């Protein structure tokens, strides 16, 4: 059954440290502010530090701004290395940042930039931070996807991570969101098999009025975001509810996708089964292997289920 849950129900986060990617605007900023307002120390991982500092200046609570460009794996390593050198421990990683369009043809490592930002960067970041989690403080990873992942039945093309620049940005975005679903679900399975206390949750905000939706590439995408936004889009505050429910609620479940209904006035959190292609175990296993090779970050490899190996 859908859960009626409000941001006021966020449990006390005092003593917890959260890393929130894409925290300089939109959903990430709201999430960072809400976590800090409830007592957490929040590391705002942002591509533009000046923008992040401006956002932090308008907020209250224990917020730190750190540079992280998820499209650049060197930046991901530098971010994680800085936390490690400082002896930081974390309790929550909110893999929130995402782009729908970009002027880049390739990431610095030569990958399609939407896929590199939305999936590969988060895959690498999760692996590099995994041993910094405190096992006794309800450690969680929340990966933010989109309900659009269901719109294409076949999954991401794992044979060509450089991508085809002729492919519409909207399709590339959906493929990256499929990767988020496959990754978050596979991470949960591998963590469980490894006996880890860290849990992996999947969430989506529905359609929310955020700066990302102003990145629409092409007339059709622009029309969809404008018209769909008027009919379906929530405020960033309401769009963040499923993300923070996944990040903090004792009743949140793994192995499902937590998100709102299509009706924008309905703020309840729905736990829906993972649908194709997100439920393909062999595809998830192959994505993991391809992501390890692409990023050079290997983790939980011994926790793969034999039946899911291609």
Protein backbone atom coordinates (compact mmCIF):
# COMPACT_ATOMS: atom_id res chain seq x y z
CA UNK A 1 0.00 0.00 0.00
CA UNK A 2 1.20 3.58 -0.63
CA UNK A 3 2.73 5.24 2.42
CA UNK A 4 1.64 8.71 3.48
CA UNK A 5 4.92 10.22 4.63
CA UNK A 6 6.03 13.83 5.07
CA UNK A 7 9.41 15.50 5.36
CA UNK A 8 8.56 16.37 8.96
CA UNK A 9 8.81 12.63 9.69
CA UNK A 10 12.52 12.47 8.88
CA UNK A 11 14.11 10.89 11.97
CA UNK A 12 16.75 12.75 13.94
CA UNK A 13 19.93 12.67 11.85
CA UNK A 14 22.28 14.00 14.53
CA UNK A 15 25.68 12.32 14.28
CA UNK A 16 25.09 11.04 10.74
CA UNK A 17 27.11 12.16 7.72
CA UNK A 18 25.54 12.20 4.28
CA UNK A 19 27.05 12.71 0.83
CA UNK A 20 24.56 14.19 -1.64
CA UNK A 21 25.55 14.50 -5.30
CA UNK A 22 24.11 17.29 -7.41
CA UNK A 23 23.40 19.29 -4.25
CA UNK A 24 23.73 22.82 -5.63
CA UNK A 25 20.17 23.01 -6.96
CA UNK A 26 16.88 21.17 -7.43
CA UNK A 27 16.22 17.90 -5.63
CA UNK A 28 19.78 17.56 -4.38
CA UNK A 29 19.74 20.95 -2.69
CA UNK A 30 16.37 20.27 -1.06
CA UNK A 31 17.59 16.88 0.16
CA UNK A 32 20.80 18.37 1.55
CA UNK A 33 18.90 21.14 3.33
CA UNK A 34 16.36 18.74 4.82
CA UNK A 35 19.00 16.32 6.06
CA UNK A 36 21.00 19.16 7.61
CA UNK A 37 17.85 20.64 9.18
CA UNK A 38 17.33 17.31 10.93
CA UNK A 39 20.85 17.24 12.33
CA UNK A 40 23.04 15.56 9.69
CA UNK A 41 26.41 16.74 8.49
CA UNK A 42 25.94 16.98 4.74
CA UNK A 43 28.71 16.98 2.16
CA UNK A 44 27.35 18.75 -0.91
CA UNK A 45 29.10 17.13 -3.88
CA UNK A 46 28.82 19.61 -6.74
CA UNK A 47 30.39 20.27 -10.12
CA UNK A 48 30.38 24.07 -9.70
CA UNK A 49 31.83 24.98 -6.30
CA UNK A 50 30.91 28.67 -6.55
CA UNK A 51 27.28 27.76 -7.26
CA UNK A 52 27.38 25.28 -4.40
CA UNK A 53 28.70 27.90 -2.01
CA UNK A 54 25.92 30.30 -3.01
CA UNK A 55 23.37 27.58 -2.33
CA UNK A 56 24.98 26.77 1.03
CA UNK A 57 25.00 30.43 2.02
CA UNK A 58 21.24 30.52 1.73
CA UNK A 59 20.80 27.41 3.87
CA UNK A 60 21.23 26.53 7.51
CA UNK A 61 22.78 23.54 9.21
CA UNK A 62 26.07 21.69 8.88
CA UNK A 63 26.70 21.79 5.13
CA UNK A 64 30.06 21.43 3.36
CA UNK A 65 30.71 22.03 -0.32
CA UNK A 66 33.11 19.75 -2.21
CA UNK A 67 33.86 19.59 -5.93
CA UNK A 68 32.74 16.47 -7.78
CA UNK A 69 32.34 16.16 -11.55
CA UNK A 70 30.75 12.76 -12.02
CA UNK A 71 31.48 12.77 -15.75
CA UNK A 72 35.21 12.82 -14.98
CA UNK A 73 36.46 9.71 -13.22
CA UNK A 74 39.61 11.55 -12.10
CA UNK A 75 37.37 13.99 -10.22
CA UNK A 76 35.48 11.09 -8.63
CA UNK A 77 38.73 9.57 -7.41
CA UNK A 78 39.95 12.92 -6.08
CA UNK A 79 36.70 13.49 -4.17
CA UNK A 80 36.75 10.05 -2.58
CA UNK A 81 40.48 10.31 -1.87
CA UNK A 82 39.99 13.60 -0.04
CA UNK A 83 37.38 12.09 2.27
CA UNK A 84 39.60 9.08 2.87
CA UNK A 85 42.66 11.25 3.64
CA UNK A 86 40.59 13.21 6.16
CA UNK A 87 39.50 10.01 7.88
CA UNK A 88 35.84 10.75 7.21
CA UNK A 89 33.12 8.18 7.82
CA UNK A 90 29.72 8.32 6.16
CA UNK A 91 26.27 6.91 6.78
CA UNK A 92 24.37 7.87 3.63
CA UNK A 93 25.24 8.29 -0.04
CA UNK A 94 22.48 9.88 -2.09
CA UNK A 95 23.33 9.30 -5.76
CA UNK A 96 21.11 12.09 -7.02
CA UNK A 97 22.97 14.11 -9.66
CA UNK A 98 21.86 13.72 -13.25
CA UNK A 99 21.85 15.45 -16.61
CA UNK A 100 19.53 15.15 -19.59
CA UNK A 101 21.61 16.97 -22.18
CA UNK A 102 25.18 18.14 -22.60
CA UNK A 103 27.32 20.06 -25.04
CA UNK A 104 30.07 17.46 -24.71
CA UNK A 105 30.44 14.69 -27.28
CA UNK A 106 32.44 12.53 -24.88
CA UNK A 107 33.42 12.52 -21.21
CA UNK A 108 37.11 13.10 -20.34
CA UNK A 109 37.58 9.31 -20.41
CA UNK A 110 35.82 8.99 -23.78
CA UNK A 111 32.35 7.83 -22.71
CA UNK A 112 28.92 9.10 -23.70
CA UNK A 113 28.54 11.99 -21.22
CA UNK A 114 24.97 11.39 -19.99
CA UNK A 115 25.74 7.74 -19.25
CA UNK A 116 29.10 8.74 -17.75
CA UNK A 117 27.51 11.28 -15.41
CA UNK A 118 24.32 9.49 -14.45
CA UNK A 119 25.72 5.97 -14.10
CA UNK A 120 29.48 5.46 -14.39
CA UNK A 121 30.37 8.30 -12.03
CA UNK A 122 27.95 7.06 -9.39
CA UNK A 123 29.08 3.45 -9.83
CA UNK A 124 32.69 4.49 -9.22
CA UNK A 125 31.81 6.83 -6.35
CA UNK A 126 29.82 4.13 -4.55
CA UNK A 127 32.67 1.66 -4.82
CA UNK A 128 35.30 4.16 -3.68
CA UNK A 129 33.26 5.20 -0.63
CA UNK A 130 31.89 1.80 0.35
CA UNK A 131 34.46 1.05 3.05
CA UNK A 132 33.91 4.49 4.62
CA UNK A 133 30.38 3.55 5.73
CA UNK A 134 29.82 2.99 9.44
CA UNK A 135 28.24 -0.43 9.80
CA UNK A 136 26.40 0.38 13.02
CA UNK A 137 24.54 3.52 11.87
CA UNK A 138 21.97 2.19 9.38
CA UNK A 139 24.22 2.79 6.35
CA UNK A 140 22.38 3.41 3.08
CA UNK A 141 23.00 4.08 -0.59
CA UNK A 142 20.08 5.65 -2.45
CA UNK A 143 20.28 5.75 -6.24
CA UNK A 144 17.87 8.13 -7.94
CA UNK A 145 16.41 6.92 -11.22
CA UNK A 146 13.37 7.88 -13.30
CA UNK A 147 10.13 6.10 -13.97
CA UNK A 148 10.98 6.66 -17.65
CA UNK A 149 13.27 3.61 -17.44
CA UNK A 150 10.23 1.50 -18.39
CA UNK A 151 9.65 3.31 -21.69
CA UNK A 152 12.29 1.32 -23.60
CA UNK A 153 12.15 -2.45 -23.32
CA UNK A 154 15.78 -3.13 -24.22
CA UNK A 155 18.50 -1.99 -21.86
CA UNK A 156 21.57 0.20 -22.31
CA UNK A 157 24.03 -0.68 -25.08
CA UNK A 158 26.97 -2.11 -23.16
CA UNK A 159 29.01 -2.76 -26.28
CA UNK A 160 29.46 0.94 -27.11
CA UNK A 161 29.94 3.18 -24.08
CA UNK A 162 31.15 5.99 -26.33
CA UNK A 163 27.62 6.22 -27.68
CA UNK A 164 26.26 7.55 -30.93
CA UNK A 165 25.97 11.35 -30.95
CA UNK A 166 23.14 11.00 -33.46
CA UNK A 167 20.99 9.27 -30.84
CA UNK A 168 18.53 11.69 -29.23
CA UNK A 169 19.54 12.92 -25.79
CA UNK A 170 16.17 11.80 -24.42
CA UNK A 171 16.91 8.19 -25.38
CA UNK A 172 20.41 8.40 -23.94
CA UNK A 173 18.94 9.75 -20.71
CA UNK A 174 16.46 6.87 -20.47
CA UNK A 175 19.27 4.36 -21.04
CA UNK A 176 21.23 5.94 -18.18
CA UNK A 177 18.19 5.69 -15.92
CA UNK A 178 17.85 2.01 -16.83
CA UNK A 179 21.46 1.62 -15.74
CA UNK A 180 20.60 3.29 -12.41
CA UNK A 181 17.84 0.74 -11.80
CA UNK A 182 20.01 -2.22 -12.81
CA UNK A 183 22.89 -0.95 -10.67
CA UNK A 184 20.88 -0.13 -7.55
CA UNK A 185 19.14 -3.51 -7.58
CA UNK A 186 22.36 -5.44 -8.25
CA UNK A 187 24.15 -3.47 -5.54
CA UNK A 188 21.45 -4.54 -3.07
CA UNK A 189 21.83 -8.19 -4.05
CA UNK A 190 25.62 -8.12 -3.80
CA UNK A 191 25.64 -6.30 -0.47
CA UNK A 192 23.27 -8.89 0.98
CA UNK A 193 25.36 -11.80 -0.29
CA UNK A 194 28.51 -10.18 1.11
CA UNK A 195 26.86 -9.86 4.53
CA UNK A 196 27.24 -6.06 4.49
CA UNK A 197 25.12 -3.84 6.71
CA UNK A 198 24.89 -1.26 3.90
CA UNK A 199 21.56 -1.30 2.09
CA UNK A 200 20.85 -0.11 -1.44
CA UNK A 201 17.58 1.68 -2.21
CA UNK A 202 16.06 2.85 -5.49
CA UNK A 203 13.89 5.96 -5.70
CA UNK A 204 12.51 8.37 -8.25
CA UNK A 205 10.88 11.79 -7.83
CA UNK A 206 8.32 11.58 -10.62
CA UNK A 207 8.36 14.73 -12.70
CA UNK A 208 9.60 17.65 -10.63
CA UNK A 209 10.23 21.26 -11.58
CA UNK A 210 14.03 21.31 -11.41
CA UNK A 211 16.78 22.97 -13.47
CA UNK A 212 17.50 19.62 -15.14
CA UNK A 213 14.19 19.79 -17.01
CA UNK A 214 15.29 23.05 -18.61
CA UNK A 215 18.04 21.10 -20.39
CA UNK A 216 15.53 19.63 -22.88
CA UNK A 217 17.25 18.81 -26.16
CA UNK A 218 15.04 19.31 -29.22
CA UNK A 219 11.51 20.52 -29.82
CA UNK A 220 9.79 17.27 -28.86
CA UNK A 221 11.62 17.02 -25.55
CA UNK A 222 11.02 20.70 -24.84
CA UNK A 223 7.29 20.33 -25.53
CA UNK A 224 7.09 17.25 -23.33
CA UNK A 225 8.78 18.90 -20.38
CA UNK A 226 6.71 22.08 -20.75
CA UNK A 227 3.32 20.44 -21.21
CA UNK A 228 4.06 17.46 -18.98
CA UNK A 229 5.40 19.85 -16.37
CA UNK A 230 2.16 21.81 -16.26
CA UNK A 231 0.11 18.63 -15.88
CA UNK A 232 2.34 16.38 -13.80
CA UNK A 233 5.31 18.21 -12.26
CA UNK A 234 5.68 18.59 -8.52
CA UNK A 235 7.70 21.17 -6.67
CA UNK A 236 11.26 20.12 -5.82
CA UNK A 237 10.21 19.93 -2.16
CA UNK A 238 7.49 17.37 -2.89
CA UNK A 239 9.64 15.59 -5.47
CA UNK A 240 12.25 14.94 -2.81
CA UNK A 241 9.84 13.04 -0.55
CA UNK A 242 10.51 9.54 -2.04
CA UNK A 243 14.26 10.17 -2.02
CA UNK A 244 14.35 11.16 1.64
CA UNK A 245 11.92 8.40 2.57
CA UNK A 246 14.41 5.93 1.04
CA UNK A 247 17.29 7.69 2.77
CA UNK A 248 15.87 7.86 6.28
CA UNK A 249 12.64 5.94 6.93
CA UNK A 250 12.73 2.75 8.99
CA UNK A 251 9.92 1.33 6.83
CA UNK A 252 11.61 1.86 3.44
CA UNK A 253 12.13 -1.32 1.42
CA UNK A 254 14.92 -2.42 -0.88
CA UNK A 255 14.32 -4.43 -4.05
CA UNK A 256 11.56 -2.05 -5.20
CA UNK A 257 11.38 1.40 -6.77
CA UNK A 258 10.12 4.05 -4.34
CA UNK A 259 8.31 6.94 -5.97
CA UNK A 260 5.09 8.92 -6.35
CA UNK A 261 2.04 8.23 -8.46
CA UNK A 262 1.42 10.10 -11.71
CA UNK A 263 -1.12 12.33 -9.96
CA UNK A 264 0.92 15.30 -8.88
CA UNK A 265 -1.34 16.05 -5.91
CA UNK A 266 -0.64 12.57 -4.48
CA UNK A 267 2.48 12.79 -2.31
CA UNK A 268 2.29 9.26 -0.96
CA UNK A 269 5.29 6.99 -1.58
CA UNK A 270 4.55 3.93 -3.70
CA UNK A 271 6.81 0.85 -3.60
CA UNK A 272 6.59 -0.66 -7.08
CA UNK A 273 8.25 -3.82 -8.40
CA UNK A 274 11.23 -3.42 -10.67
CA UNK A 275 10.04 -3.91 -14.24
CA UNK A 276 11.90 -4.89 -17.44
CA UNK A 277 14.61 -4.29 -18.32
CA UNK A 278 15.53 -3.38 -14.75
CA UNK A 279 14.81 -6.90 -13.47
CA UNK A 280 17.18 -8.66 -15.89
CA UNK A 281 19.77 -10.37 -13.66
CA UNK A 282 22.14 -11.25 -16.49
CA UNK A 283 22.03 -7.70 -17.84
CA UNK A 284 22.65 -6.29 -14.36
CA UNK A 285 25.65 -8.58 -13.90
CA UNK A 286 27.07 -7.63 -17.27
CA UNK A 287 26.53 -3.92 -16.56
CA UNK A 288 28.51 -4.38 -13.34
CA UNK A 289 31.40 -6.03 -15.16
CA UNK A 290 31.41 -3.41 -17.93
CA UNK A 291 31.25 -0.61 -15.35
CA UNK A 292 34.20 -2.04 -13.44
CA UNK A 293 36.24 -2.19 -16.64
CA UNK A 294 35.22 1.32 -17.71
CA UNK A 295 35.89 2.99 -14.36
CA UNK A 296 38.74 0.89 -13.02
CA UNK A 297 36.81 0.55 -9.75
CA UNK A 298 36.13 -3.04 -8.72
CA UNK A 299 34.09 -4.04 -5.69
CA UNK A 300 31.74 -6.78 -4.45
CA UNK A 301 32.82 -8.90 -7.42
CA UNK A 302 32.92 -12.05 -5.32
CA UNK A 303 29.30 -11.43 -4.27
CA UNK A 304 27.87 -11.95 -7.76
CA UNK A 305 25.18 -14.61 -7.93
CA UNK A 306 26.27 -17.47 -10.26
CA UNK A 307 22.86 -17.50 -11.95
CA UNK A 308 23.20 -13.84 -12.90
CA UNK A 309 26.53 -14.22 -14.64
CA UNK A 310 26.34 -14.08 -18.46
